Amino acid sequence: METTVFIFKINGTFGQWSSIFDSNEAKKRHDEYEIKPLYRGVSKQDAKKVIVIHQHPPGAIEKFLEANGDWIATHDVDLASFEQTVWNE
């Protein structure tokens, strides 16, 4: 398993974004790629900066982003701001 940490900017509020991230639709899309969200939060210093931590099989995040990038972009996510690090157990 791998753990991926994403830090990115959102254009709306954290509440708006997190309601989509926590939705049944997002859960279904994550489940399709065996992605388990572990944590999501918003920076205390910058209300537009979000962190998301997922655990998943190797390669699953890349496949998920390729298949769902357009859907993610419709949720006020600034895709150009994505910072990604991958961690192994």
N, C-alpha and C. Protein backbone atom coordinates (compact mmCIF):
# COMPACT_ATOMS: atom_id res chain seq x y z
N MET A 1 0.84 -1.19 0.00
CA MET A 1 0.00 0.00 0.00
C MET A 1 0.88 1.24 0.00
N GLU A 2 0.34 2.29 -0.58
CA GLU A 2 0.99 3.59 -0.58
C GLU A 2 0.08 4.60 0.12
N THR A 3 0.68 5.64 0.62
CA THR A 3 -0.06 6.76 1.19
C THR A 3 0.32 8.00 0.40
N THR A 4 -0.68 8.69 -0.12
CA THR A 4 -0.44 9.89 -0.91
C THR A 4 -0.98 11.10 -0.16
N VAL A 5 -0.16 12.15 -0.13
CA VAL A 5 -0.54 13.42 0.49
C VAL A 5 -0.67 14.45 -0.62
N PHE A 6 -1.83 15.06 -0.70
CA PHE A 6 -2.08 16.14 -1.66
C PHE A 6 -2.28 17.43 -0.89
N ILE A 7 -1.67 18.49 -1.36
CA ILE A 7 -1.95 19.84 -0.87
C ILE A 7 -2.32 20.66 -2.10
N PHE A 8 -3.43 21.38 -2.00
CA PHE A 8 -3.90 22.15 -3.15
C PHE A 8 -4.79 23.29 -2.69
N LYS A 9 -5.10 24.16 -3.62
CA LYS A 9 -5.96 25.31 -3.36
C LYS A 9 -7.38 25.02 -3.88
N ILE A 10 -8.34 25.61 -3.19
CA ILE A 10 -9.73 25.56 -3.63
C ILE A 10 -10.19 27.00 -3.88
N ASN A 11 -11.17 27.15 -4.74
CA ASN A 11 -11.69 28.48 -5.06
C ASN A 11 -12.90 28.84 -4.21
N GLY A 12 -13.62 27.84 -3.70
CA GLY A 12 -14.77 28.08 -2.84
C GLY A 12 -14.38 27.96 -1.38
N THR A 13 -15.35 27.62 -0.54
CA THR A 13 -15.08 27.43 0.88
C THR A 13 -14.74 25.96 1.16
N PHE A 14 -14.07 25.73 2.28
CA PHE A 14 -13.75 24.37 2.67
C PHE A 14 -15.04 23.57 2.91
N GLY A 15 -16.04 24.20 3.49
CA GLY A 15 -17.32 23.51 3.72
C GLY A 15 -17.95 23.03 2.44
N GLN A 16 -17.93 23.87 1.41
CA GLN A 16 -18.48 23.47 0.10
C GLN A 16 -17.69 22.30 -0.47
N TRP A 17 -16.35 22.44 -0.44
CA TRP A 17 -15.51 21.40 -1.01
C TRP A 17 -15.65 20.09 -0.24
N SER A 18 -15.61 20.15 1.10
CA SER A 18 -15.66 18.92 1.90
C SER A 18 -16.99 18.20 1.78
N SER A 19 -18.08 18.94 1.55
CA SER A 19 -19.37 18.25 1.37
C SER A 19 -19.35 17.39 0.10
N ILE A 20 -18.63 17.83 -0.92
CA ILE A 20 -18.49 17.02 -2.13
C ILE A 20 -17.54 15.86 -1.88
N PHE A 21 -16.40 16.14 -1.22
CA PHE A 21 -15.41 15.10 -0.94
C PHE A 21 -16.01 13.98 -0.08
N ASP A 22 -16.89 14.34 0.84
CA ASP A 22 -17.51 13.37 1.75
C ASP A 22 -18.78 12.73 1.18
N SER A 23 -19.15 13.06 -0.04
CA SER A 23 -20.41 12.59 -0.61
C SER A 23 -20.36 11.10 -0.98
N ASN A 24 -21.53 10.53 -1.16
CA ASN A 24 -21.62 9.14 -1.61
C ASN A 24 -21.01 8.96 -2.99
N GLU A 25 -21.15 9.97 -3.86
CA GLU A 25 -20.57 9.90 -5.20
C GLU A 25 -19.05 9.79 -5.11
N ALA A 26 -18.42 10.60 -4.27
CA ALA A 26 -16.96 10.55 -4.10
C ALA A 26 -16.54 9.20 -3.51
N LYS A 27 -17.31 8.70 -2.54
CA LYS A 27 -16.98 7.41 -1.94
C LYS A 27 -17.02 6.30 -3.00
N LYS A 28 -18.03 6.34 -3.84
CA LYS A 28 -18.15 5.35 -4.92
C LYS A 28 -16.94 5.42 -5.86
N ARG A 29 -16.53 6.62 -6.21
CA ARG A 29 -15.39 6.79 -7.11
C ARG A 29 -14.09 6.34 -6.45
N HIS A 30 -13.92 6.65 -5.17
CA HIS A 30 -12.73 6.17 -4.44
C HIS A 30 -12.72 4.64 -4.35
N ASP A 31 -13.87 4.07 -4.00
CA ASP A 31 -13.97 2.62 -3.85
C ASP A 31 -13.60 1.88 -5.13
N GLU A 32 -13.95 2.46 -6.26
CA GLU A 32 -13.66 1.85 -7.56
C GLU A 32 -12.16 1.61 -7.75
N TYR A 33 -11.34 2.44 -7.12
CA TYR A 33 -9.88 2.33 -7.25
C TYR A 33 -9.21 1.89 -5.95
N GLU A 34 -10.02 1.41 -5.00
CA GLU A 34 -9.53 0.94 -3.70
C GLU A 34 -8.76 2.03 -2.95
N ILE A 35 -9.26 3.25 -3.05
CA ILE A 35 -8.64 4.40 -2.38
C ILE A 35 -9.39 4.66 -1.08
N LYS A 36 -8.64 4.72 0.01
CA LYS A 36 -9.23 4.98 1.32
C LYS A 36 -8.79 6.36 1.80
N PRO A 37 -9.71 7.34 1.83
CA PRO A 37 -9.36 8.64 2.39
C PRO A 37 -9.10 8.50 3.90
N LEU A 38 -7.97 9.01 4.35
CA LEU A 38 -7.61 8.94 5.76
C LEU A 38 -7.85 10.25 6.49
N TYR A 39 -7.65 11.36 5.78
CA TYR A 39 -7.76 12.67 6.43
C TYR A 39 -7.94 13.74 5.36
N ARG A 40 -8.71 14.77 5.70
CA ARG A 40 -8.79 15.98 4.90
C ARG A 40 -8.97 17.13 5.85
N GLY A 41 -8.28 18.24 5.56
CA GLY A 41 -8.36 19.39 6.44
C GLY A 41 -8.00 20.66 5.69
N VAL A 42 -8.21 21.78 6.38
CA VAL A 42 -7.94 23.09 5.79
C VAL A 42 -6.89 23.80 6.65
N SER A 43 -6.02 24.54 6.01
CA SER A 43 -4.95 25.26 6.69
C SER A 43 -5.52 26.34 7.61
N LYS A 44 -4.94 26.47 8.79
CA LYS A 44 -5.34 27.55 9.70
C LYS A 44 -4.85 28.90 9.19
N GLN A 45 -3.77 28.90 8.40
CA GLN A 45 -3.21 30.14 7.90
C GLN A 45 -3.83 30.59 6.57
N ASP A 46 -4.41 29.65 5.81
CA ASP A 46 -4.93 29.96 4.48
C ASP A 46 -6.17 29.12 4.24
N ALA A 47 -7.34 29.74 4.34
CA ALA A 47 -8.62 29.01 4.22
C ALA A 47 -8.86 28.44 2.83
N LYS A 48 -7.99 28.74 1.88
CA LYS A 48 -8.12 28.20 0.52
C LYS A 48 -7.17 27.03 0.28
N LYS A 49 -6.37 26.65 1.30
CA LYS A 49 -5.38 25.59 1.15
C LYS A 49 -5.86 24.34 1.88
N VAL A 50 -5.90 23.21 1.15
CA VAL A 50 -6.47 21.96 1.66
C VAL A 50 -5.40 20.87 1.60
N ILE A 51 -5.48 19.96 2.57
CA ILE A 51 -4.65 18.75 2.56
C ILE A 51 -5.58 17.54 2.54
N VAL A 52 -5.19 16.54 1.75
CA VAL A 52 -5.93 15.27 1.69
C VAL A 52 -4.90 14.15 1.75
N ILE A 53 -5.18 13.15 2.58
CA ILE A 53 -4.30 11.98 2.69
C ILE A 53 -5.12 10.75 2.36
N HIS A 54 -4.62 9.96 1.40
CA HIS A 54 -5.27 8.73 0.96
C HIS A 54 -4.31 7.55 1.12
N GLN A 55 -4.87 6.37 1.33
CA GLN A 55 -4.11 5.13 1.27
C GLN A 55 -4.69 4.30 0.14
N HIS A 56 -3.80 3.62 -0.62
CA HIS A 56 -4.27 2.95 -1.84
C HIS A 56 -3.21 2.00 -2.37
N PRO A 57 -3.60 1.09 -3.26
CA PRO A 57 -2.63 0.23 -3.95
C PRO A 57 -1.75 1.08 -4.87
N PRO A 58 -0.53 0.65 -5.15
CA PRO A 58 0.34 1.39 -6.06
C PRO A 58 -0.34 1.64 -7.41
N GLY A 59 -0.23 2.87 -7.90
CA GLY A 59 -0.80 3.24 -9.19
C GLY A 59 -2.26 3.64 -9.18
N ALA A 60 -2.96 3.40 -8.09
CA ALA A 60 -4.40 3.67 -8.06
C ALA A 60 -4.72 5.16 -8.14
N ILE A 61 -3.93 5.99 -7.49
CA ILE A 61 -4.20 7.43 -7.50
C ILE A 61 -4.06 7.98 -8.92
N GLU A 62 -3.02 7.57 -9.62
CA GLU A 62 -2.82 8.04 -10.98
C GLU A 62 -3.99 7.65 -11.88
N LYS A 63 -4.46 6.42 -11.75
CA LYS A 63 -5.61 5.98 -12.53
C LYS A 63 -6.87 6.76 -12.15
N PHE A 64 -7.06 6.99 -10.86
CA PHE A 64 -8.21 7.75 -10.38
C PHE A 64 -8.19 9.17 -10.94
N LEU A 65 -7.05 9.85 -10.85
CA LEU A 65 -6.95 11.22 -11.34
C LEU A 65 -7.17 11.30 -12.84
N GLU A 66 -6.64 10.34 -13.57
CA GLU A 66 -6.83 10.32 -15.02
C GLU A 66 -8.31 10.17 -15.38
N ALA A 67 -8.99 9.29 -14.68
CA ALA A 67 -10.40 9.02 -14.97
C ALA A 67 -11.34 10.09 -14.42
N ASN A 68 -10.93 10.80 -13.36
CA ASN A 68 -11.84 11.70 -12.65
C ASN A 68 -11.38 13.16 -12.60
N GLY A 69 -10.33 13.50 -13.33
CA GLY A 69 -9.81 14.87 -13.30
C GLY A 69 -10.84 15.92 -13.66
N ASP A 70 -11.63 15.67 -14.68
CA ASP A 70 -12.65 16.64 -15.08
C ASP A 70 -13.71 16.80 -14.00
N TRP A 71 -14.08 15.71 -13.36
CA TRP A 71 -15.07 15.75 -12.28
C TRP A 71 -14.50 16.53 -11.10
N ILE A 72 -13.26 16.29 -10.75
CA ILE A 72 -12.62 17.00 -9.63
C ILE A 72 -12.56 18.50 -9.92
N ALA A 73 -12.24 18.87 -11.14
CA ALA A 73 -12.11 20.28 -11.51
C ALA A 73 -13.43 21.04 -11.37
N THR A 74 -14.55 20.35 -11.45
CA THR A 74 -15.85 21.02 -11.32
C THR A 74 -16.18 21.38 -9.87
N HIS A 75 -15.32 21.02 -8.94
CA HIS A 75 -15.59 21.25 -7.52
C HIS A 75 -14.71 22.37 -6.95
N ASP A 76 -14.43 23.37 -7.78
CA ASP A 76 -13.64 24.53 -7.35
C ASP A 76 -12.26 24.17 -6.85
N VAL A 77 -11.68 23.13 -7.42
CA VAL A 77 -10.31 22.72 -7.09
C VAL A 77 -9.37 23.33 -8.13
N ASP A 78 -8.31 23.96 -7.67
CA ASP A 78 -7.30 24.52 -8.56
C ASP A 78 -6.29 23.42 -8.88
N LEU A 79 -6.52 22.72 -9.98
CA LEU A 79 -5.67 21.57 -10.34
C LEU A 79 -4.21 21.98 -10.55
N ALA A 80 -3.97 23.20 -10.97
CA ALA A 80 -2.60 23.66 -11.19
C ALA A 80 -1.82 23.79 -9.88
N SER A 81 -2.52 23.86 -8.76
CA SER A 81 -1.86 24.04 -7.47
C SER A 81 -1.50 22.72 -6.78
N PHE A 82 -1.85 21.58 -7.39
CA PHE A 82 -1.62 20.27 -6.76
C PHE A 82 -0.15 20.05 -6.42
N GLU A 83 0.11 19.71 -5.18
CA GLU A 83 1.41 19.21 -4.74
C GLU A 83 1.14 17.79 -4.23
N GLN A 84 1.92 16.84 -4.67
CA GLN A 84 1.70 15.44 -4.32
C GLN A 84 2.98 14.80 -3.83
N THR A 85 2.89 14.08 -2.70
CA THR A 85 3.99 13.26 -2.24
C THR A 85 3.44 11.87 -1.96
N VAL A 86 4.27 10.85 -2.20
CA VAL A 86 3.86 9.46 -2.01
C VAL A 86 4.77 8.82 -0.97
N TRP A 87 4.16 8.09 -0.06
CA TRP A 87 4.88 7.47 1.06
C TRP A 87 4.61 5.97 1.06
N ASN A 88 5.64 5.18 1.33
CA ASN A 88 5.52 3.72 1.41
C ASN A 88 5.54 3.27 2.86
N GLU A 89 4.90 2.13 3.11
CA GLU A 89 4.92 1.55 4.45
C GLU A 89 6.25 0.87 4.68
